[in-house]
Amino acid sequence: MNRIIWMGLGVAIGVIAFRKITEAQSNLGPEGLNRAVGRLADGLYDFADAVREGMNERETELRAALGIDAGLEMAVSKGAAGKDALRR
C-alpha cells in the first residue's frame, strides 16, 4: 500500500515538474520574449495614462482653488464682447 502512495506522489511530482519545464522553455523562446516585452509595454502605457489623468485632475483642482480659470473666462468673455462692439 505504501508503494502505491509513493508511486502516485512521484508521478504527480513528475507531471508538475514537466509542466514547469515546458513553461520555462516557452518563456525563453522568441515568442515568450515578445509576450514579456508586450506586457511590459502595456503596463508602462497604462501607468503613463494614469499619471496623465492624475496630473490633469490635480491641475483642474489647483486652477479652481486659485481662481485662475475664473479670471481667464472673464477675460475671454470681455474680449468677445469687445470684438462684437468692434463689428458693429
PDB file of N, CA and C in Angstrom:
ATOM      1  N   MET A   1       0.815  -1.190   0.000  1.00  0.00           N
ATOM      2  CA  MET A   1       0.000   0.000   0.000  1.00  0.00           C
ATOM      3  C   MET A   1       0.866   1.266   0.000  1.00  0.00           C
ATOM      4  N   ASN A   2       1.960   1.273   0.788  1.00  0.00           N
ATOM      5  CA  ASN A   2       2.856   2.426   0.826  1.00  0.00           C
ATOM      6  C   ASN A   2       3.510   2.669  -0.518  1.00  0.00           C
ATOM      7  N   ARG A   3       3.823   1.588  -1.236  1.00  0.00           N
ATOM      8  CA  ARG A   3       4.472   1.737  -2.543  1.00  0.00           C
ATOM      9  C   ARG A   3       3.547   2.438  -3.528  1.00  0.00           C
ATOM     10  N   ILE A   4       2.263   2.163  -3.461  1.00  0.00           N
ATOM     11  CA  ILE A   4       1.306   2.799  -4.380  1.00  0.00           C
ATOM     12  C   ILE A   4       1.222   4.296  -4.073  1.00  0.00           C
ATOM     13  N   ILE A   5       1.195   4.636  -2.799  1.00  0.00           N
ATOM     14  CA  ILE A   5       1.132   6.052  -2.409  1.00  0.00           C
ATOM     15  C   ILE A   5       2.382   6.782  -2.893  1.00  0.00           C
ATOM     16  N   TRP A   6       3.567   6.190  -2.664  1.00  0.00           N
ATOM     17  CA  TRP A   6       4.819   6.823  -3.079  1.00  0.00           C
ATOM     18  C   TRP A   6       4.915   6.905  -4.598  1.00  0.00           C
ATOM     19  N   MET A   7       4.415   5.884  -5.267  1.00  0.00           N
ATOM     20  CA  MET A   7       4.438   5.906  -6.733  1.00  0.00           C
ATOM     21  C   MET A   7       3.521   7.013  -7.255  1.00  0.00           C
ATOM     22  N   GLY A   8       2.337   7.157  -6.690  1.00  0.00           N
ATOM     23  CA  GLY A   8       1.409   8.221  -7.091  1.00  0.00           C
ATOM     24  C   GLY A   8       1.990   9.594  -6.826  1.00  0.00           C
ATOM     25  N   LEU A   9       2.636   9.748  -5.675  1.00  0.00           N
ATOM     26  CA  LEU A   9       3.283  11.014  -5.341  1.00  0.00           C
ATOM     27  C   LEU A   9       4.416  11.333  -6.312  1.00  0.00           C
ATOM     28  N   GLY A  10       5.182  10.325  -6.683  1.00  0.00           N
ATOM     29  CA  GLY A  10       6.273  10.506  -7.647  1.00  0.00           C
ATOM     30  C   GLY A  10       5.759  10.902  -9.022  1.00  0.00           C
ATOM     31  N   VAL A  11       4.665  10.266  -9.448  1.00  0.00           N
ATOM     32  CA  VAL A  11       4.074  10.608 -10.745  1.00  0.00           C
ATOM     33  C   VAL A  11       3.562  12.050 -10.721  1.00  0.00           C
ATOM     34  N   ALA A  12       2.901  12.438  -9.632  1.00  0.00           N
ATOM     35  CA  ALA A  12       2.375  13.806  -9.530  1.00  0.00           C
ATOM     36  C   ALA A  12       3.516  14.822  -9.577  1.00  0.00           C
ATOM     37  N   ILE A  13       4.581  14.564  -8.853  1.00  0.00           N
ATOM     38  CA  ILE A  13       5.730  15.468  -8.867  1.00  0.00           C
ATOM     39  C   ILE A  13       6.356  15.514 -10.259  1.00  0.00           C
ATOM     40  N   GLY A  14       6.426  14.395 -10.936  1.00  0.00           N
ATOM     41  CA  GLY A  14       6.969  14.348 -12.292  1.00  0.00           C
ATOM     42  C   GLY A  14       6.135  15.166 -13.271  1.00  0.00           C
ATOM     43  N   VAL A  15       4.809  15.061 -13.169  1.00  0.00           N
ATOM     44  CA  VAL A  15       3.926  15.822 -14.060  1.00  0.00           C
ATOM     45  C   VAL A  15       4.073  17.318 -13.800  1.00  0.00           C
ATOM     46  N   ILE A  16       4.108  17.707 -12.531  1.00  0.00           N
ATOM     47  CA  ILE A  16       4.263  19.129 -12.196  1.00  0.00           C
ATOM     48  C   ILE A  16       5.606  19.651 -12.701  1.00  0.00           C
ATOM     49  N   ALA A  17       6.666  18.883 -12.500  1.00  0.00           N
ATOM     50  CA  ALA A  17       7.993  19.297 -12.967  1.00  0.00           C
ATOM     51  C   ALA A  17       8.018  19.420 -14.487  1.00  0.00           C
ATOM     52  N   PHE A  18       7.395  18.460 -15.183  1.00  0.00           N
ATOM     53  CA  PHE A  18       7.359  18.508 -16.654  1.00  0.00           C
ATOM     54  C   PHE A  18       6.640  19.758 -17.134  1.00  0.00           C
ATOM     55  N   ARG A  19       5.526  20.111 -16.505  1.00  0.00           N
ATOM     56  CA  ARG A  19       4.774  21.305 -16.905  1.00  0.00           C
ATOM     57  C   ARG A  19       5.586  22.577 -16.653  1.00  0.00           C
ATOM     58  N   LYS A  20       6.265  22.643 -15.524  1.00  0.00           N
ATOM     59  CA  LYS A  20       7.079  23.816 -15.215  1.00  0.00           C
ATOM     60  C   LYS A  20       8.232  23.964 -16.206  1.00  0.00           C
ATOM     61  N   ILE A  21       8.861  22.856 -16.561  1.00  0.00           N
ATOM     62  CA  ILE A  21       9.974  22.908 -17.520  1.00  0.00           C
ATOM     63  C   ILE A  21       9.477  23.337 -18.890  1.00  0.00           C
ATOM     64  N   THR A  22       8.336  22.805 -19.314  1.00  0.00           N
ATOM     65  CA  THR A  22       7.766  23.182 -20.611  1.00  0.00           C
ATOM     66  C   THR A  22       7.415  24.670 -20.627  1.00  0.00           C
ATOM     67  N   GLU A  23       6.847  25.160 -19.530  1.00  0.00           N
ATOM     68  CA  GLU A  23       6.503  26.585 -19.437  1.00  0.00           C
ATOM     69  C   GLU A  23       7.759  27.451 -19.487  1.00  0.00           C
ATOM     70  N   ALA A  24       8.798  27.041 -18.792  1.00  0.00           N
ATOM     71  CA  ALA A  24      10.053  27.808 -18.787  1.00  0.00           C
ATOM     72  C   ALA A  24      10.673  27.839 -20.181  1.00  0.00           C
ATOM     73  N   GLN A  25      10.606  26.725 -20.905  1.00  0.00           N
ATOM     74  CA  GLN A  25      11.160  26.696 -22.258  1.00  0.00           C
ATOM     75  C   GLN A  25      10.393  27.617 -23.185  1.00  0.00           C
ATOM     76  N   SER A  26       9.072  27.663 -23.050  1.00  0.00           N
ATOM     77  CA  SER A  26       8.290  28.533 -23.934  1.00  0.00           C
ATOM     78  C   SER A  26       8.547  30.003 -23.609  1.00  0.00           C
ATOM     79  N   ASN A  27       8.846  30.309 -22.351  1.00  0.00           N
ATOM     80  CA  ASN A  27       9.135  31.693 -21.977  1.00  0.00           C
ATOM     81  C   ASN A  27      10.515  32.135 -22.441  1.00  0.00           C
ATOM     82  N   LEU A  28      11.415  31.200 -22.656  1.00  0.00           N
ATOM     83  CA  LEU A  28      12.768  31.562 -23.077  1.00  0.00           C
ATOM     84  C   LEU A  28      12.875  31.774 -24.580  1.00  0.00           C
ATOM     85  N   GLY A  29      11.922  31.292 -25.344  1.00  0.00           N
ATOM     86  CA  GLY A  29      11.973  31.431 -26.799  1.00  0.00           C
ATOM     87  C   GLY A  29      11.606  32.835 -27.240  1.00  0.00           C
ATOM     88  N   PRO A  30      11.684  33.090 -28.541  1.00  0.00           N
ATOM     89  CA  PRO A  30      11.356  34.422 -29.073  1.00  0.00           C
ATOM     90  C   PRO A  30       9.909  34.836 -28.792  1.00  0.00           C
ATOM     91  N   GLU A  31       8.989  33.863 -28.871  1.00  0.00           N
ATOM     92  CA  GLU A  31       7.585  34.194 -28.617  1.00  0.00           C
ATOM     93  C   GLU A  31       7.386  34.610 -27.168  1.00  0.00           C
ATOM     94  N   GLY A  32       8.043  33.905 -26.260  1.00  0.00           N
ATOM     95  CA  GLY A  32       7.942  34.248 -24.849  1.00  0.00           C
ATOM     96  C   GLY A  32       8.520  35.618 -24.553  1.00  0.00           C
ATOM     97  N   LEU A  33       9.624  35.931 -25.205  1.00  0.00           N
ATOM     98  CA  LEU A  33      10.244  37.242 -25.040  1.00  0.00           C
ATOM     99  C   LEU A  33       9.327  38.340 -25.576  1.00  0.00           C
ATOM    100  N   ASN A  34       8.711  38.092 -26.731  1.00  0.00           N
ATOM    101  CA  ASN A  34       7.786  39.068 -27.308  1.00  0.00           C
ATOM    102  C   ASN A  34       6.591  39.305 -26.388  1.00  0.00           C
ATOM    103  N   ARG A  35       6.064  38.228 -25.805  1.00  0.00           N
ATOM    104  CA  ARG A  35       4.941  38.376 -24.882  1.00  0.00           C
ATOM    105  C   ARG A  35       5.350  39.192 -23.657  1.00  0.00           C
ATOM    106  N   ALA A  36       6.531  38.917 -23.122  1.00  0.00           N
ATOM    107  CA  ALA A  36       7.001  39.626 -21.933  1.00  0.00           C
ATOM    108  C   ALA A  36       7.196  41.118 -22.229  1.00  0.00           C
ATOM    109  N   VAL A  37       7.786  41.426 -23.371  1.00  0.00           N
ATOM    110  CA  VAL A  37       8.005  42.829 -23.744  1.00  0.00           C
ATOM    111  C   VAL A  37       6.668  43.512 -24.000  1.00  0.00           C
ATOM    112  N   GLY A  38       5.743  42.808 -24.617  1.00  0.00           N
ATOM    113  CA  GLY A  38       4.409  43.375 -24.862  1.00  0.00           C
ATOM    114  C   GLY A  38       3.686  43.690 -23.566  1.00  0.00           C
ATOM    115  N   ARG A  39       3.759  42.770 -22.604  1.00  0.00           N
ATOM    116  CA  ARG A  39       3.126  43.016 -21.302  1.00  0.00           C
ATOM    117  C   ARG A  39       3.770  44.208 -20.599  1.00  0.00           C
ATOM    118  N   LEU A  40       5.082  44.306 -20.684  1.00  0.00           N
ATOM    119  CA  LEU A  40       5.796  45.420 -20.064  1.00  0.00           C
ATOM    120  C   LEU A  40       5.393  46.748 -20.712  1.00  0.00           C
ATOM    121  N   ALA A  41       5.331  46.765 -22.034  1.00  0.00           N
ATOM    122  CA  ALA A  41       4.948  47.988 -22.747  1.00  0.00           C
ATOM    123  C   ALA A  41       3.513  48.381 -22.407  1.00  0.00           C
ATOM    124  N   ASP A  42       2.608  47.422 -22.331  1.00  0.00           N
ATOM    125  CA  ASP A  42       1.220  47.718 -21.969  1.00  0.00           C
ATOM    126  C   ASP A  42       1.143  48.288 -20.557  1.00  0.00           C
ATOM    127  N   GLY A  43       1.922  47.722 -19.661  1.00  0.00           N
ATOM    128  CA  GLY A  43       1.933  48.211 -18.287  1.00  0.00           C
ATOM    129  C   GLY A  43       2.444  49.636 -18.197  1.00  0.00           C
ATOM    130  N   LEU A  44       3.502  49.935 -18.938  1.00  0.00           N
ATOM    131  CA  LEU A  44       4.049  51.297 -18.942  1.00  0.00           C
ATOM    132  C   LEU A  44       3.059  52.295 -19.544  1.00  0.00           C
ATOM    133  N   TYR A  45       2.371  51.877 -20.606  1.00  0.00           N
ATOM    134  CA  TYR A  45       1.385  52.743 -21.252  1.00  0.00           C
ATOM    135  C   TYR A  45       0.232  53.035 -20.291  1.00  0.00           C
ATOM    136  N   ASP A  46      -0.254  51.999 -19.596  1.00  0.00           N
ATOM    137  CA  ASP A  46      -1.335  52.188 -18.636  1.00  0.00           C
ATOM    138  C   ASP A  46      -0.894  53.094 -17.490  1.00  0.00           C
ATOM    139  N   PHE A  47       0.339  52.916 -17.023  1.00  0.00           N
ATOM    140  CA  PHE A  47       0.866  53.755 -15.947  1.00  0.00           C
ATOM    141  C   PHE A  47       0.950  55.215 -16.399  1.00  0.00           C
ATOM    142  N   ALA A  48       1.444  55.441 -17.611  1.00  0.00           N
ATOM    143  CA  ALA A  48       1.563  56.806 -18.124  1.00  0.00           C
ATOM    144  C   ALA A  48       0.186  57.454 -18.254  1.00  0.00           C
ATOM    145  N   ASP A  49      -0.814  56.696 -18.702  1.00  0.00           N
ATOM    146  CA  ASP A  49      -2.175  57.233 -18.791  1.00  0.00           C
ATOM    147  C   ASP A  49      -2.711  57.618 -17.420  1.00  0.00           C
ATOM    148  N   ALA A  50      -2.468  56.766 -16.435  1.00  0.00           N
ATOM    149  CA  ALA A  50      -2.938  57.057 -15.079  1.00  0.00           C
ATOM    150  C   ALA A  50      -2.266  58.308 -14.532  1.00  0.00           C
ATOM    151  N   VAL A  51      -0.977  58.473 -14.804  1.00  0.00           N
ATOM    152  CA  VAL A  51      -0.257  59.667 -14.340  1.00  0.00           C
ATOM    153  C   VAL A  51      -0.803  60.914 -15.019  1.00  0.00           C
ATOM    154  N   ARG A  52      -1.055  60.841 -16.328  1.00  0.00           N
ATOM    155  CA  ARG A  52      -1.603  61.994 -17.051  1.00  0.00           C
ATOM    156  C   ARG A  52      -2.973  62.389 -16.511  1.00  0.00           C
ATOM    157  N   GLU A  53      -3.828  61.393 -16.262  1.00  0.00           N
ATOM    158  CA  GLU A  53      -5.156  61.686 -15.722  1.00  0.00           C
ATOM    159  C   GLU A  53      -5.049  62.345 -14.352  1.00  0.00           C
ATOM    160  N   GLY A  54      -4.176  61.829 -13.518  1.00  0.00           N
ATOM    161  CA  GLY A  54      -3.980  62.417 -12.199  1.00  0.00           C
ATOM    162  C   GLY A  54      -3.463  63.842 -12.276  1.00  0.00           C
ATOM    163  N   MET A  55      -2.541  64.091 -13.201  1.00  0.00           N
ATOM    164  CA  MET A  55      -1.997  65.440 -13.373  1.00  0.00           C
ATOM    165  C   MET A  55      -3.095  66.403 -13.820  1.00  0.00           C
ATOM    166  N   ASN A  56      -3.917  65.967 -14.768  1.00  0.00           N
ATOM    167  CA  ASN A  56      -4.995  66.834 -15.254  1.00  0.00           C
ATOM    168  C   ASN A  56      -6.010  67.131 -14.158  1.00  0.00           C
ATOM    169  N   GLU A  57      -6.356  66.111 -13.364  1.00  0.00           N
ATOM    170  CA  GLU A  57      -7.302  66.327 -12.271  1.00  0.00           C
ATOM    171  C   GLU A  57      -6.733  67.312 -11.247  1.00  0.00           C
ATOM    172  N   ARG A  58      -5.481  67.120 -10.900  1.00  0.00           N
ATOM    173  CA  ARG A  58      -4.850  67.993  -9.898  1.00  0.00           C
ATOM    174  C   ARG A  58      -4.717  69.412 -10.432  1.00  0.00           C
ATOM    175  N   GLU A  59      -4.388  69.557 -11.707  1.00  0.00           N
ATOM    176  CA  GLU A  59      -4.274  70.900 -12.287  1.00  0.00           C
ATOM    177  C   GLU A  59      -5.625  71.603 -12.270  1.00  0.00           C
ATOM    178  N   THR A  60      -6.689  70.861 -12.563  1.00  0.00           N
ATOM    179  CA  THR A  60      -8.031  71.432 -12.526  1.00  0.00           C
ATOM    180  C   THR A  60      -8.384  71.873 -11.113  1.00  0.00           C
ATOM    181  N   GLU A  61      -8.052  71.032 -10.120  1.00  0.00           N
ATOM    182  CA  GLU A  61      -8.315  71.381  -8.721  1.00  0.00           C
ATOM    183  C   GLU A  61      -7.540  72.639  -8.323  1.00  0.00           C
ATOM    184  N   LEU A  62      -6.274  72.714  -8.703  1.00  0.00           N
ATOM    185  CA  LEU A  62      -5.463  73.876  -8.349  1.00  0.00           C
ATOM    186  C   LEU A  62      -5.962  75.147  -9.033  1.00  0.00           C
ATOM    187  N   ARG A  63      -6.325  75.039 -10.296  1.00  0.00           N
ATOM    188  CA  ARG A  63      -6.840  76.210 -11.013  1.00  0.00           C
ATOM    189  C   ARG A  63      -8.131  76.714 -10.377  1.00  0.00           C
ATOM    190  N   ALA A  64      -9.000  75.769  -9.987  1.00  0.00           N
ATOM    191  CA  ALA A  64     -10.251  76.170  -9.342  1.00  0.00           C
ATOM    192  C   ALA A  64      -9.971  76.810  -7.987  1.00  0.00           C
ATOM    193  N   ALA A  65      -9.032  76.262  -7.233  1.00  0.00           N
ATOM    194  CA  ALA A  65      -8.709  76.798  -5.907  1.00  0.00           C
ATOM    195  C   ALA A  65      -8.082  78.182  -6.000  1.00  0.00           C
ATOM    196  N   LEU A  66      -7.282  78.412  -7.017  1.00  0.00           N
ATOM    197  CA  LEU A  66      -6.602  79.704  -7.169  1.00  0.00           C
ATOM    198  C   LEU A  66      -7.421  80.714  -7.962  1.00  0.00           C
ATOM    199  N   GLY A  67      -8.500  80.273  -8.569  1.00  0.00           N
ATOM    200  CA  GLY A  67      -9.342  81.175  -9.349  1.00  0.00           C
ATOM    201  C   GLY A  67      -8.749  81.551 -10.676  1.00  0.00           C
ATOM    202  N   ILE A  68      -7.847  80.760 -11.178  1.00  0.00           N
ATOM    203  CA  ILE A  68      -7.196  81.080 -12.460  1.00  0.00           C
ATOM    204  C   ILE A  68      -8.188  80.945 -13.602  1.00  0.00           C
ATOM    205  N   ASP A  69      -8.986  79.912 -13.594  1.00  0.00           N
ATOM    206  CA  ASP A  69      -9.942  79.699 -14.680  1.00  0.00           C
ATOM    207  C   ASP A  69     -11.019  80.778 -14.697  1.00  0.00           C
ATOM    208  N   ALA A  70     -11.428  81.245 -13.531  1.00  0.00           N
ATOM    209  CA  ALA A  70     -12.454  82.290 -13.479  1.00  0.00           C
ATOM    210  C   ALA A  70     -11.936  83.567 -14.133  1.00  0.00           C
ATOM    211  N   GLY A  71     -10.704  83.939 -13.855  1.00  0.00           N
ATOM    212  CA  GLY A  71     -10.119  85.132 -14.465  1.00  0.00           C
ATOM    213  C   GLY A  71      -9.957  84.978 -15.962  1.00  0.00           C
ATOM    214  N   LEU A  72      -9.607  83.790 -16.401  1.00  0.00           N
ATOM    215  CA  LEU A  72      -9.443  83.522 -17.824  1.00  0.00           C
ATOM    216  C   LEU A  72     -10.781  83.596 -18.543  1.00  0.00           C
ATOM    217  N   GLU A  73     -11.820  83.045 -17.929  1.00  0.00           N
ATOM    218  CA  GLU A  73     -13.144  83.083 -18.543  1.00  0.00           C
ATOM    219  C   GLU A  73     -13.658  84.515 -18.654  1.00  0.00           C
ATOM    220  N   MET A  74     -13.402  85.336 -17.628  1.00  0.00           N
ATOM    221  CA  MET A  74     -13.836  86.734 -17.674  1.00  0.00           C
ATOM    222  C   MET A  74     -13.087  87.479 -18.775  1.00  0.00           C
ATOM    223  N   ALA A  75     -11.805  87.235 -18.914  1.00  0.00           N
ATOM    224  CA  ALA A  75     -11.016  87.912 -19.944  1.00  0.00           C
ATOM    225  C   ALA A  75     -11.487  87.505 -21.336  1.00  0.00           C
ATOM    226  N   VAL A  76     -11.802  86.217 -21.480  1.00  0.00           N
ATOM    227  CA  VAL A  76     -12.278  85.753 -22.781  1.00  0.00           C
ATOM    228  C   VAL A  76     -13.628  86.357 -23.092  1.00  0.00           C
ATOM    229  N   SER A  77     -14.522  86.417 -22.082  1.00  0.00           N
ATOM    230  CA  SER A  77     -15.849  86.993 -22.332  1.00  0.00           C
ATOM    231  C   SER A  77     -15.753  88.493 -22.616  1.00  0.00           C
ATOM    232  N   LYS A  78     -14.851  89.209 -21.948  1.00  0.00           N
ATOM    233  CA  LYS A  78     -14.657  90.631 -22.232  1.00  0.00           C
ATOM    234  C   LYS A  78     -14.088  90.820 -23.629  1.00  0.00           C
ATOM    235  N   GLY A  79     -13.183  89.940 -23.993  1.00  0.00           N
ATOM    236  CA  GLY A  79     -12.603  90.027 -25.330  1.00  0.00           C
ATOM    237  C   GLY A  79     -13.648  89.762 -26.399  1.00  0.00           C
ATOM    238  N   ALA A  80     -14.535  88.823 -26.146  1.00  0.00           N
ATOM    239  CA  ALA A  80     -15.594  88.528 -27.111  1.00  0.00           C
ATOM    240  C   ALA A  80     -16.566  89.692 -27.190  1.00  0.00           C
ATOM    241  N   ALA A  81     -16.868  90.326 -26.054  1.00  0.00           N
ATOM    242  CA  ALA A  81     -17.771  91.475 -26.052  1.00  0.00           C
ATOM    243  C   ALA A  81     -17.125  92.640 -26.792  1.00  0.00           C
ATOM    244  N   GLY A  82     -15.843  92.822 -26.626  1.00  0.00           N
ATOM    245  CA  GLY A  82     -15.135  93.898 -27.316  1.00  0.00           C
ATOM    246  C   GLY A  82     -15.107  93.677 -28.818  1.00  0.00           C
ATOM    247  N   LYS A  83     -14.949  92.448 -29.240  1.00  0.00           N
ATOM    248  CA  LYS A  83     -14.942  92.151 -30.667  1.00  0.00           C
ATOM    249  C   LYS A  83     -16.312  92.387 -31.270  1.00  0.00           C
ATOM    250  N   ASP A  84     -17.378  92.050 -30.511  1.00  0.00           N
ATOM    251  CA  ASP A  84     -18.730  92.285 -31.006  1.00  0.00           C
ATOM    252  C   ASP A  84     -18.985  93.781 -31.171  1.00  0.00           C
ATOM    253  N   ALA A  85     -18.453  94.582 -30.244  1.00  0.00           N
ATOM    254  CA  ALA A  85     -18.637  96.032 -30.326  1.00  0.00           C
ATOM    255  C   ALA A  85     -17.895  96.588 -31.530  1.00  0.00           C
ATOM    256  N   LEU A  86     -16.745  96.017 -31.844  1.00  0.00           N
ATOM    257  CA  LEU A  86     -15.973  96.487 -32.992  1.00  0.00           C
ATOM    258  C   LEU A  86     -16.636  96.126 -34.312  1.00  0.00           C
ATOM    259  N   ARG A  87     -17.352  95.037 -34.329  1.00  0.00           N
ATOM    260  CA  ARG A  87     -18.011  94.596 -35.561  1.00  0.00           C
ATOM    261  C   ARG A  87     -19.179  95.493 -35.919  1.00  0.00           C
ATOM    262  N   ARG A  88     -19.795  96.126 -34.956  1.00  0.00           N
ATOM    263  CA  ARG A  88     -20.982  96.942 -35.204  1.00  0.00           C
ATOM    264  C   ARG A  88     -20.604  98.214 -35.822  1.00  0.00           C
TER     265      ARG A  88
END
